[in-house]
Amino acid sequence: QVQLVESGGGLVQAGGSLRLSCAASGTIFRPNIMGWYRQVSGKERELIATFTTGGNTNYADAVKDRFTLSRDNAKNTVYLQMNSLKPEDTAVYYCKYSETYYRYLEVWGQGTLVTVSL
């Protein structure tokens, strides 16, 4: 199976930056897709940024031009660089790993809290 370890959340003032990391370990096949979602209490989890099967990136409109998704394939790690943070970015951020080519697999990280203060 695959395990995900997230890190990088915390408290930051509005306008500041944070970088989230998500490292995958275990039995990893390629192609796979990794991305980030976030969830505010009482609301549905929403997609923030993800790689596509073609290697491109998709971003939610709310974070375009502020967040950047990147990956280090050698480390099986994806990063979410978050700049110009706003209070409305406050949420629990979850990493997701999925495979659909050789097997169907979907794994979520434990979540990391990002709090943006005024």
C-alpha atoms as a PDB file:
ATOM      1  CA  GLN A   1       0.000   0.000   0.000  1.00  0.00           C
ATOM      2  CA  VAL A   2       0.909   3.665   0.013  1.00  0.00           C
ATOM      3  CA  GLN A   3       1.333   5.967   2.980  1.00  0.00           C
ATOM      4  CA  LEU A   4       1.340   9.763   2.887  1.00  0.00           C
ATOM      5  CA  VAL A   5       3.051  12.074   5.324  1.00  0.00           C
ATOM      6  CA  GLU A   6       2.166  15.750   5.186  1.00  0.00           C
ATOM      7  CA  SER A   7       4.005  18.630   6.770  1.00  0.00           C
ATOM      8  CA  GLY A   8       4.317  22.384   6.628  1.00  0.00           C
ATOM      9  CA  GLY A   9       1.053  23.679   8.019  1.00  0.00           C
ATOM     10  CA  GLY A  10       0.876  26.304  10.699  1.00  0.00           C
ATOM     11  CA  LEU A  11      -0.142  29.832  11.605  1.00  0.00           C
ATOM     12  CA  VAL A  12       0.746  32.710   9.326  1.00  0.00           C
ATOM     13  CA  GLN A  13      -0.369  36.293   8.956  1.00  0.00           C
ATOM     14  CA  ALA A  14      -2.344  37.417   5.939  1.00  0.00           C
ATOM     15  CA  GLY A  15      -0.022  38.098   3.038  1.00  0.00           C
ATOM     16  CA  GLY A  16       2.483  35.538   4.239  1.00  0.00           C
ATOM     17  CA  SER A  17       3.625  32.253   2.752  1.00  0.00           C
ATOM     18  CA  LEU A  18       3.754  28.601   3.676  1.00  0.00           C
ATOM     19  CA  ARG A  19       4.966  25.499   1.873  1.00  0.00           C
ATOM     20  CA  LEU A  20       3.239  22.184   2.358  1.00  0.00           C
ATOM     21  CA  SER A  21       4.946  18.887   1.627  1.00  0.00           C
ATOM     22  CA  CYS A  22       3.477  15.456   1.030  1.00  0.00           C
ATOM     23  CA  ALA A  23       5.750  12.440   0.837  1.00  0.00           C
ATOM     24  CA  ALA A  24       4.464   9.134  -0.467  1.00  0.00           C
ATOM     25  CA  SER A  25       6.026   5.835   0.527  1.00  0.00           C
ATOM     26  CA  GLY A  26       5.285   2.169   0.060  1.00  0.00           C
ATOM     27  CA  THR A  27       4.463   0.355  -3.159  1.00  0.00           C
ATOM     28  CA  ILE A  28       4.252   3.155  -5.686  1.00  0.00           C
ATOM     29  CA  PHE A  29       3.381   2.695  -9.336  1.00  0.00           C
ATOM     30  CA  ARG A  30       3.528   5.202 -12.102  1.00  0.00           C
ATOM     31  CA  PRO A  31       1.550   6.817 -13.482  1.00  0.00           C
ATOM     32  CA  ASN A  32       0.028   8.254 -10.355  1.00  0.00           C
ATOM     33  CA  ILE A  33      -1.634  11.516  -9.497  1.00  0.00           C
ATOM     34  CA  MET A  34      -0.936  13.607  -6.428  1.00  0.00           C
ATOM     35  CA  GLY A  35      -2.611  16.792  -5.388  1.00  0.00           C
ATOM     36  CA  TRP A  36      -3.959  18.915  -2.568  1.00  0.00           C
ATOM     37  CA  TYR A  37      -7.447  19.486  -1.260  1.00  0.00           C
ATOM     38  CA  ARG A  38      -8.702  21.531   1.642  1.00  0.00           C
ATOM     39  CA  GLN A  39     -11.665  21.412   3.940  1.00  0.00           C
ATOM     40  CA  VAL A  40     -13.268  23.930   6.226  1.00  0.00           C
ATOM     41  CA  SER A  41     -15.353  22.598   9.085  1.00  0.00           C
ATOM     42  CA  GLY A  42     -18.937  22.113   7.934  1.00  0.00           C
ATOM     43  CA  LYS A  43     -18.066  22.314   4.253  1.00  0.00           C
ATOM     44  CA  GLU A  44     -17.137  19.792   1.606  1.00  0.00           C
ATOM     45  CA  ARG A  45     -13.540  19.037   0.780  1.00  0.00           C
ATOM     46  CA  GLU A  46     -12.478  20.981  -2.293  1.00  0.00           C
ATOM     47  CA  LEU A  47      -9.755  20.524  -4.847  1.00  0.00           C
ATOM     48  CA  ILE A  48      -6.978  23.098  -4.619  1.00  0.00           C
ATOM     49  CA  ALA A  49      -4.275  21.879  -6.959  1.00  0.00           C
ATOM     50  CA  THR A  50      -3.447  18.630  -8.679  1.00  0.00           C
ATOM     51  CA  PHE A  51      -1.247  17.160 -11.327  1.00  0.00           C
ATOM     52  CA  THR A  52      -3.026  15.615 -14.287  1.00  0.00           C
ATOM     53  CA  THR A  53      -2.144  12.321 -15.931  1.00  0.00           C
ATOM     54  CA  GLY A  54      -0.399  14.327 -18.629  1.00  0.00           C
ATOM     55  CA  GLY A  55       1.820  16.028 -16.077  1.00  0.00           C
ATOM     56  CA  ASN A  56       0.082  19.389 -16.212  1.00  0.00           C
ATOM     57  CA  THR A  57      -1.374  21.174 -13.200  1.00  0.00           C
ATOM     58  CA  ASN A  58      -4.898  22.246 -12.405  1.00  0.00           C
ATOM     59  CA  TYR A  59      -5.686  24.898  -9.832  1.00  0.00           C
ATOM     60  CA  ALA A  60      -8.875  26.067  -8.209  1.00  0.00           C
ATOM     61  CA  ASP A  61      -9.775  29.583  -9.282  1.00  0.00           C
ATOM     62  CA  ALA A  62      -9.496  30.763  -5.678  1.00  0.00           C
ATOM     63  CA  VAL A  63      -5.771  29.986  -5.545  1.00  0.00           C
ATOM     64  CA  LYS A  64      -4.586  30.567  -9.100  1.00  0.00           C
ATOM     65  CA  ASP A  65      -1.583  32.892  -9.292  1.00  0.00           C
ATOM     66  CA  ARG A  66      -0.977  32.487  -5.540  1.00  0.00           C
ATOM     67  CA  PHE A  67      -0.334  28.770  -5.073  1.00  0.00           C
ATOM     68  CA  THR A  68       2.171  26.659  -6.982  1.00  0.00           C
ATOM     69  CA  LEU A  69       2.235  22.878  -7.135  1.00  0.00           C
ATOM     70  CA  SER A  70       5.505  21.081  -7.764  1.00  0.00           C
ATOM     71  CA  ARG A  71       6.894  17.593  -7.365  1.00  0.00           C
ATOM     72  CA  ASP A  72      10.122  15.712  -6.857  1.00  0.00           C
ATOM     73  CA  ASN A  73       9.616  12.327  -8.481  1.00  0.00           C
ATOM     74  CA  ALA A  74      12.820  10.928  -7.026  1.00  0.00           C
ATOM     75  CA  LYS A  75      11.431  11.585  -3.544  1.00  0.00           C
ATOM     76  CA  ASN A  76       7.792  10.817  -4.412  1.00  0.00           C
ATOM     77  CA  THR A  77       6.968  14.161  -2.880  1.00  0.00           C
ATOM     78  CA  VAL A  78       4.698  16.992  -3.915  1.00  0.00           C
ATOM     79  CA  TYR A  79       4.876  20.532  -2.627  1.00  0.00           C
ATOM     80  CA  LEU A  80       2.318  23.288  -2.437  1.00  0.00           C
ATOM     81  CA  GLN A  81       3.866  26.725  -2.231  1.00  0.00           C
ATOM     82  CA  MET A  82       1.236  29.106  -0.913  1.00  0.00           C
ATOM     83  CA  ASN A  83       1.866  32.836  -1.254  1.00  0.00           C
ATOM     84  CA  SER A  84      -0.229  35.894  -0.515  1.00  0.00           C
ATOM     85  CA  LEU A  85      -2.278  33.897   1.946  1.00  0.00           C
ATOM     86  CA  LYS A  86      -5.692  35.171   2.927  1.00  0.00           C
ATOM     87  CA  PRO A  87      -7.831  34.421   5.991  1.00  0.00           C
ATOM     88  CA  GLU A  88     -10.218  32.508   3.723  1.00  0.00           C
ATOM     89  CA  ASP A  89      -7.391  30.063   2.968  1.00  0.00           C
ATOM     90  CA  THR A  90      -7.688  28.822   6.547  1.00  0.00           C
ATOM     91  CA  ALA A  91      -8.531  25.118   6.383  1.00  0.00           C
ATOM     92  CA  VAL A  92      -7.217  21.635   6.878  1.00  0.00           C
ATOM     93  CA  TYR A  93      -5.187  20.727   3.819  1.00  0.00           C
ATOM     94  CA  TYR A  94      -5.136  17.130   2.634  1.00  0.00           C
ATOM     95  CA  CYS A  95      -2.814  15.419   0.212  1.00  0.00           C
ATOM     96  CA  LYS A  96      -4.298  12.806  -2.100  1.00  0.00           C
ATOM     97  CA  TYR A  97      -2.533  10.043  -4.000  1.00  0.00           C
ATOM     98  CA  SER A  98      -4.284   8.000  -6.657  1.00  0.00           C
ATOM     99  CA  GLU A  99      -3.575   5.350  -9.248  1.00  0.00           C
ATOM    100  CA  THR A 100      -5.881   4.079 -11.971  1.00  0.00           C
ATOM    101  CA  TYR A 101      -3.571   2.383 -14.489  1.00  0.00           C
ATOM    102  CA  TYR A 102      -2.376  -0.881 -12.942  1.00  0.00           C
ATOM    103  CA  ARG A 103      -4.787  -0.799 -10.009  1.00  0.00           C
ATOM    104  CA  TYR A 104      -7.350   1.469  -8.499  1.00  0.00           C
ATOM    105  CA  LEU A 105      -5.959   3.108  -5.378  1.00  0.00           C
ATOM    106  CA  GLU A 106      -6.863   6.287  -3.542  1.00  0.00           C
ATOM    107  CA  VAL A 107      -5.038   7.381  -0.389  1.00  0.00           C
ATOM    108  CA  TRP A 108      -5.490  10.487   1.722  1.00  0.00           C
ATOM    109  CA  GLY A 109      -3.023  12.081   4.067  1.00  0.00           C
ATOM    110  CA  GLN A 110      -3.872  12.864   7.664  1.00  0.00           C
ATOM    111  CA  GLY A 111      -4.322  16.554   6.968  1.00  0.00           C
ATOM    112  CA  THR A 112      -2.377  19.592   8.080  1.00  0.00           C
ATOM    113  CA  LEU A 113      -3.959  22.730   9.483  1.00  0.00           C
ATOM    114  CA  VAL A 114      -3.259  26.078   7.887  1.00  0.00           C
ATOM    115  CA  THR A 115      -4.456  29.126   9.794  1.00  0.00           C
ATOM    116  CA  VAL A 116      -4.186  32.594   8.283  1.00  0.00           C
ATOM    117  CA  SER A 117      -4.734  35.471  10.681  1.00  0.00           C
ATOM    118  CA  LEU A 118      -5.524  39.089   9.911  1.00  0.00           C
END
